Amino acid sequence: MVDITDTLDVKGEVCPYPDVKSKRKVKKMKSGDVLKILVDYPLSAERIPETMKSLGHEVISIDKVGDADWVILVKIK
C-alpha cells in the first residue's frame, strides 16, 4: 500500500490542462511524495505518465477505474 501525499483531480478537463496542472503540482512537492492524479480524458491518461517520466519521476501505476476514469500514482524524485 502506497501512502498518498496529495491528490490532483483533473476530471472534466481536456489537454493540455491536466498535463500542465500535474507539472505545476509536482514542482511544489518534495522528493518521496506520492501524487494521485484523477483523469477521465483518455489522452491525459497517456500523456501525464509520459510527462512525469520525462521529468524524472516514477510512475507507480496507471489504473483504469470504471468506464472512463484513470488513477495515476506518481512518486516524486
PDB file of N, CA and C in Angstrom:
ATOM      1  N   MET A   1       0.841  -1.196   0.000  1.00  0.00           N
ATOM      2  CA  MET A   1       0.000   0.000   0.000  1.00  0.00           C
ATOM      3  C   MET A   1       0.877   1.246   0.000  1.00  0.00           C
ATOM      4  N   VAL A   2       0.544   2.161  -0.862  1.00  0.00           N
ATOM      5  CA  VAL A   2       1.314   3.390  -1.013  1.00  0.00           C
ATOM      6  C   VAL A   2       0.626   4.510  -0.241  1.00  0.00           C
ATOM      7  N   ASP A   3       1.409   5.276   0.491  1.00  0.00           N
ATOM      8  CA  ASP A   3       0.861   6.436   1.194  1.00  0.00           C
ATOM      9  C   ASP A   3       0.756   7.610   0.214  1.00  0.00           C
ATOM     10  N   ILE A   4      -0.456   8.065  -0.009  1.00  0.00           N
ATOM     11  CA  ILE A   4      -0.692   9.181  -0.923  1.00  0.00           C
ATOM     12  C   ILE A   4      -0.444  10.491  -0.175  1.00  0.00           C
ATOM     13  N   THR A   5       0.425  11.342  -0.746  1.00  0.00           N
ATOM     14  CA  THR A   5       0.728  12.634  -0.149  1.00  0.00           C
ATOM     15  C   THR A   5      -0.316  13.669  -0.535  1.00  0.00           C
ATOM     16  N   ASP A   6      -0.724  13.651  -1.813  1.00  0.00           N
ATOM     17  CA  ASP A   6      -1.656  14.660  -2.309  1.00  0.00           C
ATOM     18  C   ASP A   6      -2.426  14.085  -3.498  1.00  0.00           C
ATOM     19  N   THR A   7      -3.577  14.687  -3.793  1.00  0.00           N
ATOM     20  CA  THR A   7      -4.413  14.253  -4.910  1.00  0.00           C
ATOM     21  C   THR A   7      -4.704  15.434  -5.817  1.00  0.00           C
ATOM     22  N   LEU A   8      -4.596  15.191  -7.122  1.00  0.00           N
ATOM     23  CA  LEU A   8      -4.923  16.198  -8.125  1.00  0.00           C
ATOM     24  C   LEU A   8      -6.064  15.641  -8.973  1.00  0.00           C
ATOM     25  N   ASP A   9      -7.226  16.269  -8.888  1.00  0.00           N
ATOM     26  CA  ASP A   9      -8.400  15.822  -9.635  1.00  0.00           C
ATOM     27  C   ASP A   9      -8.584  16.731 -10.847  1.00  0.00           C
ATOM     28  N   VAL A  10      -8.296  16.195 -12.029  1.00  0.00           N
ATOM     29  CA  VAL A  10      -8.457  16.974 -13.260  1.00  0.00           C
ATOM     30  C   VAL A  10      -9.521  16.344 -14.160  1.00  0.00           C
ATOM     31  N   LYS A  11     -10.470  15.640 -13.540  1.00  0.00           N
ATOM     32  CA  LYS A  11     -11.574  15.068 -14.315  1.00  0.00           C
ATOM     33  C   LYS A  11     -12.429  16.201 -14.870  1.00  0.00           C
ATOM     34  N   GLY A  12     -12.928  16.004 -16.081  1.00  0.00           N
ATOM     35  CA  GLY A  12     -13.737  17.026 -16.724  1.00  0.00           C
ATOM     36  C   GLY A  12     -12.916  18.025 -17.515  1.00  0.00           C
ATOM     37  N   GLU A  13     -11.600  17.880 -17.477  1.00  0.00           N
ATOM     38  CA  GLU A  13     -10.720  18.802 -18.204  1.00  0.00           C
ATOM     39  C   GLU A  13     -10.015  18.046 -19.322  1.00  0.00           C
ATOM     40  N   VAL A  14      -9.751  18.747 -20.419  1.00  0.00           N
ATOM     41  CA  VAL A  14      -9.081  18.125 -21.563  1.00  0.00           C
ATOM     42  C   VAL A  14      -7.700  18.756 -21.752  1.00  0.00           C
ATOM     43  N   CYS A  15      -6.857  18.045 -22.482  1.00  0.00           N
ATOM     44  CA  CYS A  15      -5.496  18.517 -22.729  1.00  0.00           C
ATOM     45  C   CYS A  15      -5.530  19.901 -23.347  1.00  0.00           C
ATOM     46  N   PRO A  16      -4.600  20.743 -22.984  1.00  0.00           N
ATOM     47  CA  PRO A  16      -3.400  20.444 -22.207  1.00  0.00           C
ATOM     48  C   PRO A  16      -3.536  20.667 -20.705  1.00  0.00           C
ATOM     49  N   TYR A  17      -4.708  21.027 -20.218  1.00  0.00           N
ATOM     50  CA  TYR A  17      -4.842  21.434 -18.815  1.00  0.00           C
ATOM     51  C   TYR A  17      -4.421  20.366 -17.793  1.00  0.00           C
ATOM     52  N   PRO A  18      -4.857  19.107 -17.920  1.00  0.00           N
ATOM     53  CA  PRO A  18      -4.412  18.112 -16.925  1.00  0.00           C
ATOM     54  C   PRO A  18      -2.887  17.963 -16.883  1.00  0.00           C
ATOM     55  N   ASP A  19      -2.270  17.990 -18.069  1.00  0.00           N
ATOM     56  CA  ASP A  19      -0.814  17.851 -18.163  1.00  0.00           C
ATOM     57  C   ASP A  19      -0.114  19.041 -17.496  1.00  0.00           C
ATOM     58  N   VAL A  20      -0.576  20.235 -17.809  1.00  0.00           N
ATOM     59  CA  VAL A  20       0.011  21.458 -17.249  1.00  0.00           C
ATOM     60  C   VAL A  20      -0.171  21.495 -15.732  1.00  0.00           C
ATOM     61  N   LYS A  21      -1.379  21.186 -15.262  1.00  0.00           N
ATOM     62  CA  LYS A  21      -1.652  21.217 -13.822  1.00  0.00           C
ATOM     63  C   LYS A  21      -0.833  20.174 -13.068  1.00  0.00           C
ATOM     64  N   SER A  22      -0.637  19.003 -13.671  1.00  0.00           N
ATOM     65  CA  SER A  22       0.162  17.972 -12.996  1.00  0.00           C
ATOM     66  C   SER A  22       1.630  18.388 -12.900  1.00  0.00           C
ATOM     67  N   LYS A  23       2.138  19.053 -13.943  1.00  0.00           N
ATOM     68  CA  LYS A  23       3.524  19.543 -13.900  1.00  0.00           C
ATOM     69  C   LYS A  23       3.695  20.594 -12.801  1.00  0.00           C
ATOM     70  N   ARG A  24       2.736  21.508 -12.709  1.00  0.00           N
ATOM     71  CA  ARG A  24       2.799  22.547 -11.671  1.00  0.00           C
ATOM     72  C   ARG A  24       2.747  21.924 -10.277  1.00  0.00           C
ATOM     73  N   LYS A  25       1.899  20.910 -10.133  1.00  0.00           N
ATOM     74  CA  LYS A  25       1.709  20.272  -8.828  1.00  0.00           C
ATOM     75  C   LYS A  25       2.989  19.607  -8.350  1.00  0.00           C
ATOM     76  N   VAL A  26       3.648  18.830  -9.224  1.00  0.00           N
ATOM     77  CA  VAL A  26       4.840  18.107  -8.783  1.00  0.00           C
ATOM     78  C   VAL A  26       5.996  19.042  -8.440  1.00  0.00           C
ATOM     79  N   LYS A  27       6.019  20.223  -9.039  1.00  0.00           N
ATOM     80  CA  LYS A  27       7.072  21.197  -8.720  1.00  0.00           C
ATOM     81  C   LYS A  27       6.994  21.639  -7.265  1.00  0.00           C
ATOM     82  N   LYS A  28       5.785  21.595  -6.683  1.00  0.00           N
ATOM     83  CA  LYS A  28       5.588  22.040  -5.306  1.00  0.00           C
ATOM     84  C   LYS A  28       5.770  20.905  -4.294  1.00  0.00           C
ATOM     85  N   MET A  29       6.005  19.692  -4.794  1.00  0.00           N
ATOM     86  CA  MET A  29       6.091  18.539  -3.894  1.00  0.00           C
ATOM     87  C   MET A  29       7.546  18.180  -3.591  1.00  0.00           C
ATOM     88  N   LYS A  30       7.739  17.394  -2.526  1.00  0.00           N
ATOM     89  CA  LYS A  30       9.075  17.002  -2.098  1.00  0.00           C
ATOM     90  C   LYS A  30       9.416  15.611  -2.612  1.00  0.00           C
ATOM     91  N   SER A  31      10.702  15.331  -2.682  1.00  0.00           N
ATOM     92  CA  SER A  31      11.169  14.009  -3.081  1.00  0.00           C
ATOM     93  C   SER A  31      10.597  12.955  -2.136  1.00  0.00           C
ATOM     94  N   GLY A  32      10.070  11.879  -2.713  1.00  0.00           N
ATOM     95  CA  GLY A  32       9.484  10.814  -1.908  1.00  0.00           C
ATOM     96  C   GLY A  32       7.974  10.931  -1.765  1.00  0.00           C
ATOM     97  N   ASP A  33       7.422  12.120  -2.048  1.00  0.00           N
ATOM     98  CA  ASP A  33       5.971  12.299  -2.004  1.00  0.00           C
ATOM     99  C   ASP A  33       5.313  11.477  -3.114  1.00  0.00           C
ATOM    100  N   VAL A  34       4.051  11.117  -2.897  1.00  0.00           N
ATOM    101  CA  VAL A  34       3.296  10.390  -3.914  1.00  0.00           C
ATOM    102  C   VAL A  34       2.055  11.201  -4.274  1.00  0.00           C
ATOM    103  N   LEU A  35       1.912  11.475  -5.574  1.00  0.00           N
ATOM    104  CA  LEU A  35       0.774  12.233  -6.080  1.00  0.00           C
ATOM    105  C   LEU A  35      -0.200  11.285  -6.770  1.00  0.00           C
ATOM    106  N   LYS A  36      -1.459  11.403  -6.395  1.00  0.00           N
ATOM    107  CA  LYS A  36      -2.537  10.642  -7.034  1.00  0.00           C
ATOM    108  C   LYS A  36      -3.246  11.597  -7.990  1.00  0.00           C
ATOM    109  N   ILE A  37      -3.250  11.238  -9.283  1.00  0.00           N
ATOM    110  CA  ILE A  37      -3.864  12.090 -10.297  1.00  0.00           C
ATOM    111  C   ILE A  37      -5.102  11.374 -10.842  1.00  0.00           C
ATOM    112  N   LEU A  38      -6.246  12.070 -10.809  1.00  0.00           N
ATOM    113  CA  LEU A  38      -7.502  11.508 -11.302  1.00  0.00           C
ATOM    114  C   LEU A  38      -7.848  12.164 -12.630  1.00  0.00           C
ATOM    115  N   VAL A  39      -7.998  11.337 -13.678  1.00  0.00           N
ATOM    116  CA  VAL A  39      -8.332  11.867 -15.005  1.00  0.00           C
ATOM    117  C   VAL A  39      -9.481  11.071 -15.613  1.00  0.00           C
ATOM    118  N   ASP A  40     -10.189  11.714 -16.543  1.00  0.00           N
ATOM    119  CA  ASP A  40     -11.235  10.998 -17.277  1.00  0.00           C
ATOM    120  C   ASP A  40     -11.121  11.258 -18.781  1.00  0.00           C
ATOM    121  N   TYR A  41      -9.979  11.778 -19.177  1.00  0.00           N
ATOM    122  CA  TYR A  41      -9.714  12.065 -20.585  1.00  0.00           C
ATOM    123  C   TYR A  41      -8.634  11.094 -21.063  1.00  0.00           C
ATOM    124  N   PRO A  42      -8.954  10.206 -22.025  1.00  0.00           N
ATOM    125  CA  PRO A  42      -8.011   9.151 -22.421  1.00  0.00           C
ATOM    126  C   PRO A  42      -6.615   9.646 -22.799  1.00  0.00           C
ATOM    127  N   LEU A  43      -6.536  10.765 -23.510  1.00  0.00           N
ATOM    128  CA  LEU A  43      -5.230  11.276 -23.907  1.00  0.00           C
ATOM    129  C   LEU A  43      -4.396  11.688 -22.693  1.00  0.00           C
ATOM    130  N   SER A  44      -5.046  12.220 -21.668  1.00  0.00           N
ATOM    131  CA  SER A  44      -4.335  12.584 -20.438  1.00  0.00           C
ATOM    132  C   SER A  44      -3.777  11.350 -19.739  1.00  0.00           C
ATOM    133  N   ALA A  45      -4.521  10.247 -19.800  1.00  0.00           N
ATOM    134  CA  ALA A  45      -4.060   9.003 -19.175  1.00  0.00           C
ATOM    135  C   ALA A  45      -2.793   8.494 -19.845  1.00  0.00           C
ATOM    136  N   GLU A  46      -2.563   8.888 -21.090  1.00  0.00           N
ATOM    137  CA  GLU A  46      -1.333   8.524 -21.802  1.00  0.00           C
ATOM    138  C   GLU A  46      -0.251   9.579 -21.614  1.00  0.00           C
ATOM    139  N   ARG A  47      -0.629  10.833 -21.735  1.00  0.00           N
ATOM    140  CA  ARG A  47       0.367  11.917 -21.721  1.00  0.00           C
ATOM    141  C   ARG A  47       0.964  12.197 -20.352  1.00  0.00           C
ATOM    142  N   ILE A  48       0.131  12.191 -19.313  1.00  0.00           N
ATOM    143  CA  ILE A  48       0.645  12.531 -17.984  1.00  0.00           C
ATOM    144  C   ILE A  48       1.752  11.564 -17.537  1.00  0.00           C
ATOM    145  N   PRO A  49       1.563  10.240 -17.657  1.00  0.00           N
ATOM    146  CA  PRO A  49       2.675   9.350 -17.267  1.00  0.00           C
ATOM    147  C   PRO A  49       3.948   9.600 -18.074  1.00  0.00           C
ATOM    148  N   GLU A  50       3.806   9.856 -19.378  1.00  0.00           N
ATOM    149  CA  GLU A  50       4.977  10.149 -20.210  1.00  0.00           C
ATOM    150  C   GLU A  50       5.674  11.412 -19.721  1.00  0.00           C
ATOM    151  N   THR A  51       4.896  12.437 -19.406  1.00  0.00           N
ATOM    152  CA  THR A  51       5.455  13.698 -18.910  1.00  0.00           C
ATOM    153  C   THR A  51       6.173  13.484 -17.580  1.00  0.00           C
ATOM    154  N   MET A  52       5.543  12.751 -16.668  1.00  0.00           N
ATOM    155  CA  MET A  52       6.141  12.515 -15.351  1.00  0.00           C
ATOM    156  C   MET A  52       7.472  11.769 -15.481  1.00  0.00           C
ATOM    157  N   LYS A  53       7.520  10.772 -16.371  1.00  0.00           N
ATOM    158  CA  LYS A  53       8.768  10.028 -16.600  1.00  0.00           C
ATOM    159  C   LYS A  53       9.836  10.945 -17.184  1.00  0.00           C
ATOM    160  N   SER A  54       9.442  11.819 -18.113  1.00  0.00           N
ATOM    161  CA  SER A  54      10.415  12.717 -18.735  1.00  0.00           C
ATOM    162  C   SER A  54      10.969  13.720 -17.733  1.00  0.00           C
ATOM    163  N   LEU A  55      10.186  14.002 -16.676  1.00  0.00           N
ATOM    164  CA  LEU A  55      10.659  14.901 -15.612  1.00  0.00           C
ATOM    165  C   LEU A  55      11.482  14.155 -14.567  1.00  0.00           C
ATOM    166  N   GLY A  56      11.592  12.824 -14.730  1.00  0.00           N
ATOM    167  CA  GLY A  56      12.418  12.032 -13.819  1.00  0.00           C
ATOM    168  C   GLY A  56      11.664  11.402 -12.665  1.00  0.00           C
ATOM    169  N   HIS A  57      10.347  11.522 -12.650  1.00  0.00           N
ATOM    170  CA  HIS A  57       9.553  10.942 -11.566  1.00  0.00           C
ATOM    171  C   HIS A  57       9.195   9.494 -11.891  1.00  0.00           C
ATOM    172  N   GLU A  58       8.816   8.736 -10.884  1.00  0.00           N
ATOM    173  CA  GLU A  58       8.466   7.328 -11.058  1.00  0.00           C
ATOM    174  C   GLU A  58       6.951   7.181 -11.139  1.00  0.00           C
ATOM    175  N   VAL A  59       6.481   6.596 -12.239  1.00  0.00           N
ATOM    176  CA  VAL A  59       5.056   6.308 -12.376  1.00  0.00           C
ATOM    177  C   VAL A  59       4.823   4.944 -11.730  1.00  0.00           C
ATOM    178  N   ILE A  60       4.161   4.950 -10.588  1.00  0.00           N
ATOM    179  CA  ILE A  60       3.930   3.715  -9.829  1.00  0.00           C
ATOM    180  C   ILE A  60       2.865   2.867 -10.507  1.00  0.00           C
ATOM    181  N   SER A  61       1.766   3.509 -10.917  1.00  0.00           N
ATOM    182  CA  SER A  61       0.685   2.758 -11.552  1.00  0.00           C
ATOM    183  C   SER A  61      -0.228   3.666 -12.353  1.00  0.00           C
ATOM    184  N   ILE A  62      -0.890   3.035 -13.329  1.00  0.00           N
ATOM    185  CA  ILE A  62      -1.932   3.694 -14.111  1.00  0.00           C
ATOM    186  C   ILE A  62      -3.090   2.701 -14.134  1.00  0.00           C
ATOM    187  N   ASP A  63      -4.140   2.996 -13.396  1.00  0.00           N
ATOM    188  CA  ASP A  63      -5.260   2.066 -13.291  1.00  0.00           C
ATOM    189  C   ASP A  63      -6.522   2.668 -13.871  1.00  0.00           C
ATOM    190  N   LYS A  64      -7.170   1.901 -14.748  1.00  0.00           N
ATOM    191  CA  LYS A  64      -8.467   2.330 -15.271  1.00  0.00           C
ATOM    192  C   LYS A  64      -9.532   1.929 -14.261  1.00  0.00           C
ATOM    193  N   VAL A  65     -10.347   2.899 -13.886  1.00  0.00           N
ATOM    194  CA  VAL A  65     -11.390   2.672 -12.893  1.00  0.00           C
ATOM    195  C   VAL A  65     -12.731   2.977 -13.559  1.00  0.00           C
ATOM    196  N   GLY A  66     -13.583   1.992 -13.672  1.00  0.00           N
ATOM    197  CA  GLY A  66     -14.862   2.221 -14.325  1.00  0.00           C
ATOM    198  C   GLY A  66     -14.691   2.329 -15.831  1.00  0.00           C
ATOM    199  N   ASP A  67     -15.631   2.984 -16.479  1.00  0.00           N
ATOM    200  CA  ASP A  67     -15.626   3.066 -17.937  1.00  0.00           C
ATOM    201  C   ASP A  67     -14.624   4.063 -18.497  1.00  0.00           C
ATOM    202  N   ALA A  68     -14.458   5.182 -17.819  1.00  0.00           N
ATOM    203  CA  ALA A  68     -13.645   6.239 -18.424  1.00  0.00           C
ATOM    204  C   ALA A  68     -12.851   7.049 -17.412  1.00  0.00           C
ATOM    205  N   ASP A  69     -12.476   6.454 -16.302  1.00  0.00           N
ATOM    206  CA  ASP A  69     -11.663   7.153 -15.305  1.00  0.00           C
ATOM    207  C   ASP A  69     -10.349   6.410 -15.106  1.00  0.00           C
ATOM    208  N   TRP A  70      -9.297   7.173 -14.857  1.00  0.00           N
ATOM    209  CA  TRP A  70      -7.997   6.595 -14.564  1.00  0.00           C
ATOM    210  C   TRP A  70      -7.446   7.198 -13.286  1.00  0.00           C
ATOM    211  N   VAL A  71      -6.676   6.390 -12.561  1.00  0.00           N
ATOM    212  CA  VAL A  71      -5.955   6.847 -11.386  1.00  0.00           C
ATOM    213  C   VAL A  71      -4.479   6.609 -11.670  1.00  0.00           C
ATOM    214  N   ILE A  72      -3.705   7.681 -11.639  1.00  0.00           N
ATOM    215  CA  ILE A  72      -2.264   7.615 -11.892  1.00  0.00           C
ATOM    216  C   ILE A  72      -1.541   7.955 -10.610  1.00  0.00           C
ATOM    217  N   LEU A  73      -0.635   7.073 -10.184  1.00  0.00           N
ATOM    218  CA  LEU A  73       0.170   7.335  -8.991  1.00  0.00           C
ATOM    219  C   LEU A  73       1.596   7.641  -9.429  1.00  0.00           C
ATOM    220  N   VAL A  74       2.123   8.756  -8.931  1.00  0.00           N
ATOM    221  CA  VAL A  74       3.469   9.205  -9.305  1.00  0.00           C
ATOM    222  C   VAL A  74       4.265   9.466  -8.046  1.00  0.00           C
ATOM    223  N   LYS A  75       5.464   8.863  -7.979  1.00  0.00           N
ATOM    224  CA  LYS A  75       6.382   9.125  -6.868  1.00  0.00           C
ATOM    225  C   LYS A  75       7.372  10.194  -7.304  1.00  0.00           C
ATOM    226  N   ILE A  76       7.449  11.248  -6.508  1.00  0.00           N
ATOM    227  CA  ILE A  76       8.304  12.382  -6.834  1.00  0.00           C
ATOM    228  C   ILE A  76       9.759  12.032  -6.540  1.00  0.00           C
ATOM    229  N   LYS A  77      10.627  12.363  -7.461  1.00  0.00           N
ATOM    230  CA  LYS A  77      12.065  12.078  -7.299  1.00  0.00           C
ATOM    231  C   LYS A  77      12.813  13.323  -6.876  1.00  0.00           C
TER     232      LYS A  77
END
